[in-house]
Each structure stands twice: as C-alpha cells, then as structure tokens.
Amino acid sequence: MEVTVGLGTSSVTTIAGDLAVSGDDVTIYNAVNDSNPTISLGSSATERGEIKAVYESGAQGLDGFRFTTYTAGSSADDGTFGFYVDESFKFGINDDGINIVASGNL
C-alpha cells in the first residue's frame, strides 16, 4: 500500500490499495499480510515522523501502532514528541525520556 500526495506546484499522486476520502475523514486500509501501512510527514525519508499500523506476524490483525521520528541531525532532542492540549504544552518525549509540565498530574 502506498499513497503519496505532494503539495505545491510539483504534486504527484500514487494510489495503490484501499484509500477512501469522505468529508473530513481519510481512511487507508491494506488487507495484505505483514503490510504494516504507514503515514509519513516531513521533508525527506531522513527527516520525518512516521505513524505505522503494525500487523500481527503473517496476518492482517492489528498488533499495535508505532510512532517514530527520523532525523539526520545530531543535536540533542531532535525528533521530540510534544503533546499539547488547548495549545498548551502538557508533556513531551525526547532523548532524556518523558517530560511533564511542572503542574501536571499523573
């Protein structure tokens, strides 16, 4: 399964597999054993964030989701995950681990 959509003046669209766009929803299904469909956002294969649906081995059952960042930079905390609620930082995950805003609760 591959879906590629480029924005701007040079856009390319490649669609293989099941893709549905309805209203505000985008649905991507790929009923192929070990397919592990992904969505990537970024500037290149080495500078991107990836969301992957991980299938059970040899099957199409969903085993879990994997969130991965890829960076070519060597600076600390490149590729950090930040979580914001109402535009306010609540917690993040970086090279040092999990950081929770000072007034946050667990």
N, C-alpha and C. Protein backbone atom coordinates (compact mmCIF):
# COMPACT_ATOMS: atom_id res chain seq x y z
N MET A 1 0.84 -1.17 0.00
CA MET A 1 0.00 0.00 0.00
C MET A 1 0.87 1.22 0.00
N GLU A 2 0.67 2.10 -0.94
CA GLU A 2 1.41 3.34 -0.97
C GLU A 2 0.48 4.45 -1.41
N VAL A 3 0.47 5.52 -0.68
CA VAL A 3 -0.29 6.71 -1.05
C VAL A 3 0.67 7.87 -0.91
N THR A 4 0.95 8.55 -2.01
CA THR A 4 1.85 9.69 -1.98
C THR A 4 1.12 10.88 -2.59
N VAL A 5 1.03 11.95 -1.84
CA VAL A 5 0.41 13.17 -2.35
C VAL A 5 1.35 14.32 -2.06
N GLY A 6 1.81 14.97 -3.11
CA GLY A 6 2.69 16.13 -2.94
C GLY A 6 1.88 17.40 -3.05
N LEU A 7 2.24 18.42 -2.29
CA LEU A 7 1.54 19.70 -2.34
C LEU A 7 2.43 20.73 -3.02
N GLY A 8 1.82 21.75 -3.53
CA GLY A 8 2.57 22.79 -4.21
C GLY A 8 2.51 22.60 -5.71
N THR A 9 3.46 23.19 -6.41
CA THR A 9 3.43 23.15 -7.87
C THR A 9 3.83 21.80 -8.44
N SER A 10 4.64 21.02 -7.73
CA SER A 10 5.00 19.70 -8.24
C SER A 10 4.31 18.64 -7.41
N SER A 11 3.09 18.32 -7.75
CA SER A 11 2.43 17.30 -6.96
C SER A 11 2.31 16.01 -7.74
N VAL A 12 2.49 14.92 -7.02
CA VAL A 12 2.42 13.59 -7.58
C VAL A 12 1.46 12.80 -6.71
N THR A 13 0.59 12.04 -7.33
CA THR A 13 -0.33 11.22 -6.57
C THR A 13 -0.20 9.78 -7.05
N THR A 14 0.12 8.88 -6.13
CA THR A 14 0.19 7.46 -6.42
C THR A 14 -0.74 6.77 -5.45
N ILE A 15 -1.66 5.99 -5.97
CA ILE A 15 -2.59 5.28 -5.09
C ILE A 15 -2.61 3.81 -5.47
N ALA A 16 -2.32 2.96 -4.51
CA ALA A 16 -2.41 1.51 -4.68
C ALA A 16 -2.97 0.95 -3.39
N GLY A 17 -3.96 0.12 -3.46
CA GLY A 17 -4.60 -0.39 -2.24
C GLY A 17 -5.93 0.31 -2.04
N ASP A 18 -6.42 0.33 -0.81
CA ASP A 18 -7.72 0.92 -0.50
C ASP A 18 -7.54 2.28 0.16
N LEU A 19 -8.03 3.33 -0.51
CA LEU A 19 -7.99 4.69 0.03
C LEU A 19 -9.36 5.28 -0.15
N ALA A 20 -9.91 5.84 0.92
CA ALA A 20 -11.22 6.49 0.85
C ALA A 20 -11.13 7.86 1.50
N VAL A 21 -11.64 8.86 0.81
CA VAL A 21 -11.72 10.21 1.35
C VAL A 21 -13.18 10.59 1.35
N SER A 22 -13.72 10.86 2.54
CA SER A 22 -15.13 11.17 2.67
C SER A 22 -15.29 12.29 3.67
N GLY A 23 -15.74 13.46 3.22
CA GLY A 23 -15.88 14.59 4.13
C GLY A 23 -14.55 14.94 4.74
N ASP A 24 -14.48 14.91 6.05
CA ASP A 24 -13.24 15.23 6.76
C ASP A 24 -12.40 14.01 7.08
N ASP A 25 -12.81 12.83 6.64
CA ASP A 25 -12.12 11.60 7.00
C ASP A 25 -11.25 11.08 5.86
N VAL A 26 -10.09 10.57 6.20
CA VAL A 26 -9.23 9.86 5.27
C VAL A 26 -9.05 8.46 5.84
N THR A 27 -9.39 7.45 5.08
CA THR A 27 -9.29 6.07 5.52
C THR A 27 -8.33 5.33 4.60
N ILE A 28 -7.37 4.64 5.19
CA ILE A 28 -6.43 3.84 4.42
C ILE A 28 -6.44 2.43 5.00
N TYR A 29 -6.82 1.47 4.20
CA TYR A 29 -6.79 0.06 4.59
C TYR A 29 -5.89 -0.69 3.62
N ASN A 30 -5.17 -1.66 4.11
CA ASN A 30 -4.37 -2.51 3.24
C ASN A 30 -4.46 -3.94 3.76
N ALA A 31 -5.33 -4.72 3.14
CA ALA A 31 -5.59 -6.10 3.58
C ALA A 31 -4.58 -7.05 2.95
N VAL A 32 -3.32 -6.90 3.38
CA VAL A 32 -2.23 -7.75 2.90
C VAL A 32 -1.43 -8.18 4.13
N ASN A 33 -1.17 -9.46 4.26
CA ASN A 33 -0.40 -9.96 5.40
C ASN A 33 0.92 -9.20 5.54
N ASP A 34 1.27 -8.83 6.77
CA ASP A 34 2.52 -8.13 7.10
C ASP A 34 2.69 -6.80 6.39
N SER A 35 1.61 -6.18 5.94
CA SER A 35 1.69 -4.93 5.19
C SER A 35 2.26 -3.78 6.01
N ASN A 36 1.80 -3.61 7.25
CA ASN A 36 2.25 -2.54 8.13
C ASN A 36 2.17 -1.15 7.47
N PRO A 37 0.96 -0.69 7.10
CA PRO A 37 0.82 0.60 6.41
C PRO A 37 1.34 1.75 7.27
N THR A 38 1.91 2.77 6.61
CA THR A 38 2.50 3.91 7.31
C THR A 38 2.02 5.23 6.73
N ILE A 39 2.05 6.24 7.57
CA ILE A 39 1.85 7.62 7.15
C ILE A 39 3.11 8.36 7.57
N SER A 40 3.74 9.08 6.64
CA SER A 40 4.95 9.84 6.94
C SER A 40 4.73 11.31 6.60
N LEU A 41 5.22 12.19 7.48
CA LEU A 41 5.17 13.63 7.26
C LEU A 41 6.56 14.18 7.51
N GLY A 42 7.04 15.02 6.63
CA GLY A 42 8.35 15.63 6.81
C GLY A 42 8.91 16.12 5.50
N SER A 43 10.21 16.37 5.48
CA SER A 43 10.85 16.89 4.28
C SER A 43 11.54 15.82 3.45
N SER A 44 11.83 14.66 4.05
CA SER A 44 12.52 13.58 3.33
C SER A 44 12.44 12.30 4.15
N ALA A 45 12.96 11.22 3.61
CA ALA A 45 12.95 9.93 4.32
C ALA A 45 13.79 10.00 5.60
N THR A 46 14.79 10.90 5.64
CA THR A 46 15.64 11.00 6.83
C THR A 46 15.22 12.12 7.77
N GLU A 47 14.20 12.88 7.41
CA GLU A 47 13.68 13.98 8.25
C GLU A 47 12.16 13.91 8.26
N ARG A 48 11.62 13.00 9.08
CA ARG A 48 10.18 12.79 9.05
C ARG A 48 9.68 12.15 10.34
N GLY A 49 8.37 12.23 10.49
CA GLY A 49 7.68 11.50 11.53
C GLY A 49 6.86 10.41 10.86
N GLU A 50 6.72 9.29 11.50
CA GLU A 50 6.02 8.15 10.90
C GLU A 50 5.03 7.56 11.89
N ILE A 51 3.83 7.27 11.40
CA ILE A 51 2.84 6.51 12.16
C ILE A 51 2.65 5.20 11.41
N LYS A 52 2.84 4.09 12.09
CA LYS A 52 2.76 2.78 11.43
C LYS A 52 1.76 1.89 12.15
N ALA A 53 0.87 1.27 11.37
CA ALA A 53 -0.01 0.23 11.90
C ALA A 53 0.76 -1.09 11.78
N VAL A 54 1.10 -1.70 12.90
CA VAL A 54 1.91 -2.92 12.91
C VAL A 54 0.97 -4.12 12.97
N TYR A 55 1.06 -4.96 11.94
CA TYR A 55 0.21 -6.15 11.85
C TYR A 55 0.82 -7.32 12.62
N GLU A 56 -0.04 -8.24 13.03
CA GLU A 56 0.44 -9.49 13.62
C GLU A 56 1.25 -10.25 12.58
N SER A 57 2.26 -10.97 13.01
CA SER A 57 3.15 -11.67 12.09
C SER A 57 2.39 -12.64 11.19
N GLY A 58 2.57 -12.48 9.89
CA GLY A 58 1.95 -13.38 8.92
C GLY A 58 0.45 -13.20 8.77
N ALA A 59 -0.08 -12.08 9.27
CA ALA A 59 -1.53 -11.89 9.25
C ALA A 59 -1.87 -10.42 8.99
N GLN A 60 -3.18 -10.11 9.11
CA GLN A 60 -3.66 -8.75 8.90
C GLN A 60 -4.25 -8.14 10.16
N GLY A 61 -4.19 -8.85 11.28
CA GLY A 61 -4.71 -8.32 12.55
C GLY A 61 -3.80 -7.22 13.07
N LEU A 62 -4.40 -6.19 13.63
CA LEU A 62 -3.62 -5.07 14.17
C LEU A 62 -2.96 -5.47 15.48
N ASP A 63 -1.65 -5.44 15.50
CA ASP A 63 -0.89 -5.76 16.71
C ASP A 63 -0.68 -4.49 17.54
N GLY A 64 -0.53 -3.35 16.89
CA GLY A 64 -0.33 -2.10 17.61
C GLY A 64 0.05 -0.97 16.67
N PHE A 65 0.30 0.20 17.26
CA PHE A 65 0.75 1.37 16.50
C PHE A 65 2.15 1.74 16.95
N ARG A 66 2.95 2.22 16.01
CA ARG A 66 4.30 2.67 16.32
C ARG A 66 4.45 4.10 15.82
N PHE A 67 4.91 5.00 16.69
CA PHE A 67 5.19 6.39 16.35
C PHE A 67 6.71 6.56 16.36
N THR A 68 7.28 6.95 15.23
CA THR A 68 8.73 7.03 15.09
C THR A 68 9.12 8.35 14.45
N THR A 69 10.21 8.96 14.94
CA THR A 69 10.78 10.11 14.25
C THR A 69 12.13 9.71 13.68
N TYR A 70 12.44 10.25 12.52
CA TYR A 70 13.72 10.03 11.85
C TYR A 70 14.37 11.39 11.65
N THR A 71 15.61 11.54 12.12
CA THR A 71 16.33 12.80 11.92
C THR A 71 17.77 12.51 11.54
N ALA A 72 18.30 13.33 10.66
CA ALA A 72 19.70 13.21 10.27
C ALA A 72 20.58 14.07 11.18
N GLY A 73 19.95 14.99 11.93
CA GLY A 73 20.69 15.88 12.81
C GLY A 73 21.27 15.16 14.01
N SER A 74 22.31 15.76 14.57
CA SER A 74 22.95 15.16 15.74
C SER A 74 22.68 15.96 17.01
N SER A 75 21.85 17.00 16.92
CA SER A 75 21.53 17.80 18.11
C SER A 75 20.66 17.00 19.07
N ALA A 76 20.87 17.24 20.36
CA ALA A 76 20.05 16.57 21.36
C ALA A 76 18.59 16.93 21.16
N ASP A 77 17.74 15.99 21.35
CA ASP A 77 16.29 16.15 21.31
C ASP A 77 15.72 16.45 19.92
N ASP A 78 16.47 16.24 18.85
CA ASP A 78 15.87 16.29 17.52
C ASP A 78 14.83 15.18 17.46
N GLY A 79 13.70 15.43 16.83
CA GLY A 79 12.66 14.42 16.71
C GLY A 79 11.82 14.23 17.95
N THR A 80 11.73 15.25 18.79
CA THR A 80 10.95 15.19 20.03
C THR A 80 9.46 15.07 19.73
N PHE A 81 8.75 14.33 20.55
CA PHE A 81 7.29 14.30 20.51
C PHE A 81 6.79 15.30 21.55
N GLY A 82 5.89 16.19 21.15
CA GLY A 82 5.29 17.14 22.08
C GLY A 82 3.78 16.99 22.05
N PHE A 83 3.16 17.00 23.21
CA PHE A 83 1.71 16.85 23.32
C PHE A 83 1.13 18.13 23.92
N TYR A 84 0.19 18.72 23.20
CA TYR A 84 -0.41 19.99 23.58
C TYR A 84 -1.93 19.81 23.69
N VAL A 85 -2.51 20.38 24.72
CA VAL A 85 -3.96 20.41 24.90
C VAL A 85 -4.37 21.87 24.94
N ASP A 86 -5.33 22.25 24.12
CA ASP A 86 -5.73 23.66 24.01
C ASP A 86 -4.52 24.56 23.78
N GLU A 87 -3.61 24.09 22.94
CA GLU A 87 -2.39 24.82 22.56
C GLU A 87 -1.41 25.01 23.70
N SER A 88 -1.58 24.28 24.77
CA SER A 88 -0.70 24.38 25.93
C SER A 88 0.08 23.08 26.11
N PHE A 89 1.41 23.18 26.20
CA PHE A 89 2.26 22.01 26.35
C PHE A 89 1.92 21.26 27.64
N LYS A 90 1.72 19.95 27.53
CA LYS A 90 1.43 19.11 28.69
C LYS A 90 2.56 18.13 28.98
N PHE A 91 3.04 17.44 27.95
CA PHE A 91 4.21 16.59 28.15
C PHE A 91 4.88 16.29 26.84
N GLY A 92 6.14 15.87 26.94
CA GLY A 92 6.92 15.56 25.75
C GLY A 92 7.80 14.35 25.99
N ILE A 93 8.24 13.79 24.89
CA ILE A 93 9.16 12.65 24.94
C ILE A 93 10.37 13.05 24.09
N ASN A 94 11.55 13.01 24.69
CA ASN A 94 12.77 13.34 23.96
C ASN A 94 13.87 12.36 24.34
N ASP A 95 15.12 12.70 24.01
CA ASP A 95 16.24 11.80 24.27
C ASP A 95 16.40 11.45 25.75
N ASP A 96 15.99 12.37 26.63
CA ASP A 96 16.14 12.14 28.07
C ASP A 96 15.00 11.35 28.68
N GLY A 97 13.90 11.17 27.94
CA GLY A 97 12.76 10.44 28.47
C GLY A 97 11.49 11.27 28.40
N ILE A 98 10.63 11.13 29.39
CA ILE A 98 9.34 11.82 29.41
C ILE A 98 9.46 13.07 30.28
N ASN A 99 9.01 14.20 29.74
CA ASN A 99 9.00 15.46 30.48
C ASN A 99 7.56 15.90 30.64
N ILE A 100 7.14 16.15 31.88
CA ILE A 100 5.77 16.57 32.17
C ILE A 100 5.81 18.00 32.68
N VAL A 101 4.87 18.83 32.21
CA VAL A 101 4.80 20.22 32.67
C VAL A 101 4.75 20.23 34.20
N ALA A 102 5.36 21.23 34.84
CA ALA A 102 5.53 21.26 36.30
C ALA A 102 4.24 21.07 37.07
N SER A 103 3.13 21.59 36.57
CA SER A 103 1.87 21.45 37.31
C SER A 103 1.06 20.24 36.86
N GLY A 104 1.66 19.38 36.06
CA GLY A 104 0.93 18.21 35.54
C GLY A 104 0.69 17.16 36.60
N ASN A 105 -0.30 16.33 36.36
CA ASN A 105 -0.63 15.24 37.28
C ASN A 105 -0.49 13.91 36.55
N LEU A 106 -0.18 12.89 37.31
CA LEU A 106 -0.16 11.54 36.74
C LEU A 106 -1.33 10.77 37.25
